[in-house]
Amino acid sequence: MIRMLLIGYCMGIRSERRLCDEVLLTLAYRWFCRLGLEGDVPKHSTFSKYRHGRFRDSDLLRKLFETTVERCMAEGLVGGDPPSASSISAMSMSAPGKRI
């Protein structure tokens, strides 16, 4: 279920029902979750109980995320610098009705 949560967070899927449907239909998600072609995807109600119960009270996902980011930084995949705003996006936001 943690792998399903990671898919949901990375792909911006907020609904448990939609996440379970996506994992059921998408082979790459099934592979990542180690379900195979015949594996059963948890029902959305079961998934919701785990998500709002067991995982909310634990800091497991935060620790997993921090460890992943630290390993990516150590391998040089990501930097520790905050992203900078582009001058073009700043101009377009300052004059929303104007075309560039």
Foldseek 3Di string as FASTA:
>chain_A
DVLLVVCCVVVVPDQLQVSLVCCLPDPVSCVSVVQPPPRDRDHSVVVVCCVVPVVVVDCVVVVVVVVVVVVCVVVVVDDPDDDDDDPVVVVCVVPVVDDD
